[in-house]
Amino acid sequence: MAVKFKIKVVKIGNSLRITIPKEVAEAINLKAGDLVDISLENNCIIVHKIEQEQHKIKKSRNEN
């Protein structure tokens, strides 16, 4: 699904923030408190939702 939005970047303290549009969040079932991976590829910001099972596996590996 190709979805495109223009979103203004906002400065909050020392950080810059953007808001994920509701339509995008709903499309990937993203909710407050979910974890995401953020990477930079070819001058593009990639945000990838971490599924709960992936998070549990990563967390258990880090605890050992």
PDB file of N, CA and C in Angstrom:
ATOM      1  N   MET A   1       0.846  -1.178   0.000  1.00  0.00           N
ATOM      2  CA  MET A   1       0.000   0.000   0.000  1.00  0.00           C
ATOM      3  C   MET A   1       0.890   1.239   0.000  1.00  0.00           C
ATOM      4  N   ALA A   2       0.761   2.078  -0.988  1.00  0.00           N
ATOM      5  CA  ALA A   2       1.526   3.320  -1.052  1.00  0.00           C
ATOM      6  C   ALA A   2       0.722   4.433  -0.388  1.00  0.00           C
ATOM      7  N   VAL A   3       1.282   5.004   0.640  1.00  0.00           N
ATOM      8  CA  VAL A   3       0.638   6.100   1.365  1.00  0.00           C
ATOM      9  C   VAL A   3       1.664   7.207   1.499  1.00  0.00           C
ATOM     10  N   LYS A   4       1.258   8.434   1.240  1.00  0.00           N
ATOM     11  CA  LYS A   4       2.183   9.548   1.292  1.00  0.00           C
ATOM     12  C   LYS A   4       1.555  10.715   2.047  1.00  0.00           C
ATOM     13  N   PHE A   5       2.306  11.305   2.963  1.00  0.00           N
ATOM     14  CA  PHE A   5       1.855  12.457   3.728  1.00  0.00           C
ATOM     15  C   PHE A   5       2.977  13.473   3.780  1.00  0.00           C
ATOM     16  N   LYS A   6       2.643  14.731   3.866  1.00  0.00           N
ATOM     17  CA  LYS A   6       3.621  15.782   4.164  1.00  0.00           C
ATOM     18  C   LYS A   6       3.388  16.168   5.608  1.00  0.00           C
ATOM     19  N   ILE A   7       4.445  16.056   6.413  1.00  0.00           N
ATOM     20  CA  ILE A   7       4.330  16.296   7.850  1.00  0.00           C
ATOM     21  C   ILE A   7       5.402  17.286   8.272  1.00  0.00           C
ATOM     22  N   LYS A   8       5.027  18.242   9.080  1.00  0.00           N
ATOM     23  CA  LYS A   8       5.970  19.244   9.569  1.00  0.00           C
ATOM     24  C   LYS A   8       6.811  18.665  10.707  1.00  0.00           C
ATOM     25  N   VAL A   9       8.108  18.918  10.669  1.00  0.00           N
ATOM     26  CA  VAL A   9       9.019  18.503  11.738  1.00  0.00           C
ATOM     27  C   VAL A   9       8.946  19.563  12.839  1.00  0.00           C
ATOM     28  N   VAL A  10       8.818  19.107  14.085  1.00  0.00           N
ATOM     29  CA  VAL A  10       8.659  19.998  15.230  1.00  0.00           C
ATOM     30  C   VAL A  10       9.840  19.827  16.170  1.00  0.00           C
ATOM     31  N   LYS A  11      10.362  20.934  16.685  1.00  0.00           N
ATOM     32  CA  LYS A  11      11.454  20.872  17.662  1.00  0.00           C
ATOM     33  C   LYS A  11      10.846  20.818  19.056  1.00  0.00           C
ATOM     34  N   ILE A  12      11.264  19.820  19.826  1.00  0.00           N
ATOM     35  CA  ILE A  12      10.837  19.672  21.218  1.00  0.00           C
ATOM     36  C   ILE A  12      12.097  19.455  22.035  1.00  0.00           C
ATOM     37  N   GLY A  13      12.487  20.442  22.830  1.00  0.00           N
ATOM     38  CA  GLY A  13      13.742  20.357  23.575  1.00  0.00           C
ATOM     39  C   GLY A  13      14.894  20.308  22.588  1.00  0.00           C
ATOM     40  N   ASN A  14      15.764  19.307  22.744  1.00  0.00           N
ATOM     41  CA  ASN A  14      16.897  19.133  21.839  1.00  0.00           C
ATOM     42  C   ASN A  14      16.590  18.167  20.702  1.00  0.00           C
ATOM     43  N   SER A  15      15.371  17.661  20.636  1.00  0.00           N
ATOM     44  CA  SER A  15      14.998  16.652  19.644  1.00  0.00           C
ATOM     45  C   SER A  15      14.113  17.242  18.557  1.00  0.00           C
ATOM     46  N   LEU A  16      14.060  16.538  17.439  1.00  0.00           N
ATOM     47  CA  LEU A  16      13.107  16.842  16.383  1.00  0.00           C
ATOM     48  C   LEU A  16      12.092  15.715  16.355  1.00  0.00           C
ATOM     49  N   ARG A  17      10.829  16.046  16.129  1.00  0.00           N
ATOM     50  CA  ARG A  17       9.780  15.026  16.154  1.00  0.00           C
ATOM     51  C   ARG A  17       8.875  15.163  14.949  1.00  0.00           C
ATOM     52  N   ILE A  18       8.344  14.014  14.538  1.00  0.00           N
ATOM     53  CA  ILE A  18       7.269  13.971  13.545  1.00  0.00           C
ATOM     54  C   ILE A  18       6.151  13.122  14.136  1.00  0.00           C
ATOM     55  N   THR A  19       4.966  13.308  13.625  1.00  0.00           N
ATOM     56  CA  THR A  19       3.824  12.523  14.074  1.00  0.00           C
ATOM     57  C   THR A  19       3.489  11.497  12.995  1.00  0.00           C
ATOM     58  N   ILE A  20       3.256  10.266  13.417  1.00  0.00           N
ATOM     59  CA  ILE A  20       2.846   9.219  12.480  1.00  0.00           C
ATOM     60  C   ILE A  20       1.337   9.361  12.268  1.00  0.00           C
ATOM     61  N   PRO A  21       0.916   9.587  11.028  1.00  0.00           N
ATOM     62  CA  PRO A  21      -0.520   9.749  10.776  1.00  0.00           C
ATOM     63  C   PRO A  21      -1.313   8.514  11.198  1.00  0.00           C
ATOM     64  N   LYS A  22      -2.530   8.761  11.651  1.00  0.00           N
ATOM     65  CA  LYS A  22      -3.414   7.697  12.125  1.00  0.00           C
ATOM     66  C   LYS A  22      -3.569   6.591  11.087  1.00  0.00           C
ATOM     67  N   GLU A  23      -3.708   6.961   9.807  1.00  0.00           N
ATOM     68  CA  GLU A  23      -3.902   5.976   8.747  1.00  0.00           C
ATOM     69  C   GLU A  23      -2.703   5.031   8.622  1.00  0.00           C
ATOM     70  N   VAL A  24      -1.512   5.577   8.799  1.00  0.00           N
ATOM     71  CA  VAL A  24      -0.290   4.768   8.720  1.00  0.00           C
ATOM     72  C   VAL A  24      -0.208   3.844   9.931  1.00  0.00           C
ATOM     73  N   ALA A  25      -0.438   4.393  11.119  1.00  0.00           N
ATOM     74  CA  ALA A  25      -0.393   3.590  12.346  1.00  0.00           C
ATOM     75  C   ALA A  25      -1.405   2.450  12.287  1.00  0.00           C
ATOM     76  N   GLU A  26      -2.607   2.736  11.824  1.00  0.00           N
ATOM     77  CA  GLU A  26      -3.637   1.698  11.732  1.00  0.00           C
ATOM     78  C   GLU A  26      -3.258   0.628  10.709  1.00  0.00           C
ATOM     79  N   ALA A  27      -2.629   1.032   9.610  1.00  0.00           N
ATOM     80  CA  ALA A  27      -2.279   0.086   8.549  1.00  0.00           C
ATOM     81  C   ALA A  27      -1.295  -0.974   9.043  1.00  0.00           C
ATOM     82  N   ILE A  28      -0.424  -0.610  10.006  1.00  0.00           N
ATOM     83  CA  ILE A  28       0.547  -1.588  10.521  1.00  0.00           C
ATOM     84  C   ILE A  28       0.245  -1.971  11.963  1.00  0.00           C
ATOM     85  N   ASN A  29      -0.942  -1.585  12.432  1.00  0.00           N
ATOM     86  CA  ASN A  29      -1.378  -1.908  13.794  1.00  0.00           C
ATOM     87  C   ASN A  29      -0.388  -1.401  14.844  1.00  0.00           C
ATOM     88  N   LEU A  30       0.084  -0.165  14.655  1.00  0.00           N
ATOM     89  CA  LEU A  30       1.028   0.470  15.576  1.00  0.00           C
ATOM     90  C   LEU A  30       0.256   1.193  16.667  1.00  0.00           C
ATOM     91  N   LYS A  31       0.630   0.914  17.907  1.00  0.00           N
ATOM     92  CA  LYS A  31      -0.059   1.512  19.055  1.00  0.00           C
ATOM     93  C   LYS A  31       0.952   2.187  19.980  1.00  0.00           C
ATOM     94  N   ALA A  32       0.470   3.088  20.815  1.00  0.00           N
ATOM     95  CA  ALA A  32       1.336   3.749  21.797  1.00  0.00           C
ATOM     96  C   ALA A  32       2.011   2.687  22.655  1.00  0.00           C
ATOM     97  N   GLY A  33       3.312   2.823  22.855  1.00  0.00           N
ATOM     98  CA  GLY A  33       4.063   1.866  23.660  1.00  0.00           C
ATOM     99  C   GLY A  33       4.758   0.796  22.840  1.00  0.00           C
ATOM    100  N   ASP A  34       4.368   0.633  21.554  1.00  0.00           N
ATOM    101  CA  ASP A  34       5.047  -0.335  20.688  1.00  0.00           C
ATOM    102  C   ASP A  34       6.485   0.117  20.432  1.00  0.00           C
ATOM    103  N   LEU A  35       7.346  -0.828  20.136  1.00  0.00           N
ATOM    104  CA  LEU A  35       8.729  -0.522  19.797  1.00  0.00           C
ATOM    105  C   LEU A  35       8.901  -0.510  18.290  1.00  0.00           C
ATOM    106  N   VAL A  36       9.788   0.377  17.810  1.00  0.00           N
ATOM    107  CA  VAL A  36      10.111   0.442  16.393  1.00  0.00           C
ATOM    108  C   VAL A  36      11.623   0.509  16.233  1.00  0.00           C
ATOM    109  N   ASP A  37      12.106   0.007  15.108  1.00  0.00           N
ATOM    110  CA  ASP A  37      13.494   0.199  14.694  1.00  0.00           C
ATOM    111  C   ASP A  37      13.499   1.392  13.754  1.00  0.00           C
ATOM    112  N   ILE A  38      14.497   2.260  13.900  1.00  0.00           N
ATOM    113  CA  ILE A  38      14.642   3.397  13.001  1.00  0.00           C
ATOM    114  C   ILE A  38      16.011   3.300  12.357  1.00  0.00           C
ATOM    115  N   SER A  39      16.034   3.374  11.027  1.00  0.00           N
ATOM    116  CA  SER A  39      17.308   3.323  10.316  1.00  0.00           C
ATOM    117  C   SER A  39      17.313   4.384   9.216  1.00  0.00           C
ATOM    118  N   LEU A  40      18.495   4.650   8.697  1.00  0.00           N
ATOM    119  CA  LEU A  40      18.658   5.622   7.621  1.00  0.00           C
ATOM    120  C   LEU A  40      19.270   4.907   6.430  1.00  0.00           C
ATOM    121  N   GLU A  41      18.579   4.917   5.297  1.00  0.00           N
ATOM    122  CA  GLU A  41      19.062   4.265   4.077  1.00  0.00           C
ATOM    123  C   GLU A  41      18.841   5.196   2.895  1.00  0.00           C
ATOM    124  N   ASN A  42      19.911   5.472   2.174  1.00  0.00           N
ATOM    125  CA  ASN A  42      19.823   6.324   0.978  1.00  0.00           C
ATOM    126  C   ASN A  42      19.072   7.631   1.254  1.00  0.00           C
ATOM    127  N   ASN A  43      19.413   8.274   2.355  1.00  0.00           N
ATOM    128  CA  ASN A  43      18.829   9.553   2.737  1.00  0.00           C
ATOM    129  C   ASN A  43      17.328   9.459   3.053  1.00  0.00           C
ATOM    130  N   CYS A  44      16.846   8.249   3.386  1.00  0.00           N
ATOM    131  CA  CYS A  44      15.449   8.032   3.769  1.00  0.00           C
ATOM    132  C   CYS A  44      15.403   7.443   5.178  1.00  0.00           C
ATOM    133  N   ILE A  45      14.486   7.925   5.980  1.00  0.00           N
ATOM    134  CA  ILE A  45      14.279   7.378   7.323  1.00  0.00           C
ATOM    135  C   ILE A  45      13.318   6.209   7.203  1.00  0.00           C
ATOM    136  N   ILE A  46      13.738   5.049   7.710  1.00  0.00           N
ATOM    137  CA  ILE A  46      12.913   3.840   7.674  1.00  0.00           C
ATOM    138  C   ILE A  46      12.479   3.524   9.103  1.00  0.00           C
ATOM    139  N   VAL A  47      11.175   3.415   9.320  1.00  0.00           N
ATOM    140  CA  VAL A  47      10.629   3.054  10.631  1.00  0.00           C
ATOM    141  C   VAL A  47       9.959   1.705  10.469  1.00  0.00           C
ATOM    142  N   HIS A  48      10.425   0.727  11.248  1.00  0.00           N
ATOM    143  CA  HIS A  48       9.929  -0.637  11.139  1.00  0.00           C
ATOM    144  C   HIS A  48       9.406  -1.075  12.499  1.00  0.00           C
ATOM    145  N   LYS A  49       8.141  -1.478  12.546  1.00  0.00           N
ATOM    146  CA  LYS A  49       7.549  -1.943  13.802  1.00  0.00           C
ATOM    147  C   LYS A  49       8.195  -3.251  14.226  1.00  0.00           C
ATOM    148  N   ILE A  50       8.547  -3.345  15.508  1.00  0.00           N
ATOM    149  CA  ILE A  50       9.074  -4.583  16.076  1.00  0.00           C
ATOM    150  C   ILE A  50       7.894  -5.354  16.645  1.00  0.00           C
ATOM    151  N   GLU A  51       7.671  -6.533  16.123  1.00  0.00           N
ATOM    152  CA  GLU A  51       6.575  -7.362  16.634  1.00  0.00           C
ATOM    153  C   GLU A  51       6.923  -7.813  18.045  1.00  0.00           C
ATOM    154  N   GLN A  52       5.939  -8.064  18.874  1.00  0.00           N
ATOM    155  CA  GLN A  52       6.173  -8.426  20.276  1.00  0.00           C
ATOM    156  C   GLN A  52       7.049  -9.658  20.414  1.00  0.00           C
ATOM    157  N   GLU A  53       6.861 -10.662  19.569  1.00  0.00           N
ATOM    158  CA  GLU A  53       7.694 -11.876  19.639  1.00  0.00           C
ATOM    159  C   GLU A  53       9.147 -11.553  19.364  1.00  0.00           C
ATOM    160  N   GLN A  54       9.412 -10.687  18.358  1.00  0.00           N
ATOM    161  CA  GLN A  54      10.784 -10.282  18.052  1.00  0.00           C
ATOM    162  C   GLN A  54      11.392  -9.563  19.248  1.00  0.00           C
ATOM    163  N   HIS A  55      10.610  -8.710  19.897  1.00  0.00           N
ATOM    164  CA  HIS A  55      11.094  -7.961  21.052  1.00  0.00           C
ATOM    165  C   HIS A  55      11.437  -8.899  22.206  1.00  0.00           C
ATOM    166  N   LYS A  56      10.585  -9.903  22.455  1.00  0.00           N
ATOM    167  CA  LYS A  56      10.846 -10.864  23.532  1.00  0.00           C
ATOM    168  C   LYS A  56      12.125 -11.636  23.266  1.00  0.00           C
ATOM    169  N   ILE A  57      12.359 -12.025  22.014  1.00  0.00           N
ATOM    170  CA  ILE A  57      13.569 -12.772  21.670  1.00  0.00           C
ATOM    171  C   ILE A  57      14.800 -11.892  21.869  1.00  0.00           C
ATOM    172  N   LYS A  58      14.766 -10.646  21.383  1.00  0.00           N
ATOM    173  CA  LYS A  58      15.895  -9.729  21.542  1.00  0.00           C
ATOM    174  C   LYS A  58      16.168  -9.467  23.010  1.00  0.00           C
ATOM    175  N   LYS A  59      15.109  -9.263  23.792  1.00  0.00           N
ATOM    176  CA  LYS A  59      15.258  -8.971  25.215  1.00  0.00           C
ATOM    177  C   LYS A  59      15.891 -10.158  25.950  1.00  0.00           C
ATOM    178  N   SER A  60      15.456 -11.376  25.654  1.00  0.00           N
ATOM    179  CA  SER A  60      15.992 -12.556  26.341  1.00  0.00           C
ATOM    180  C   SER A  60      17.456 -12.770  25.952  1.00  0.00           C
ATOM    181  N   ARG A  61      17.845 -12.473  24.731  1.00  0.00           N
ATOM    182  CA  ARG A  61      19.241 -12.583  24.312  1.00  0.00           C
ATOM    183  C   ARG A  61      20.115 -11.598  25.066  1.00  0.00           C
ATOM    184  N   ASN A  62      19.611 -10.390  25.284  1.00  0.00           N
ATOM    185  CA  ASN A  62      20.373  -9.347  25.985  1.00  0.00           C
ATOM    186  C   ASN A  62      20.514  -9.634  27.470  1.00  0.00           C
ATOM    187  N   GLU A  63      19.589 -10.400  28.033  1.00  0.00           N
ATOM    188  CA  GLU A  63      19.630 -10.699  29.464  1.00  0.00           C
ATOM    189  C   GLU A  63      20.641 -11.784  29.786  1.00  0.00           C
ATOM    190  N   ASN A  64      21.025 -12.603  28.810  1.00  0.00           N
ATOM    191  CA  ASN A  64      21.974 -13.705  29.052  1.00  0.00           C
ATOM    192  C   ASN A  64      23.404 -13.233  29.036  1.00  0.00           C
TER     193      ASN A  64
END
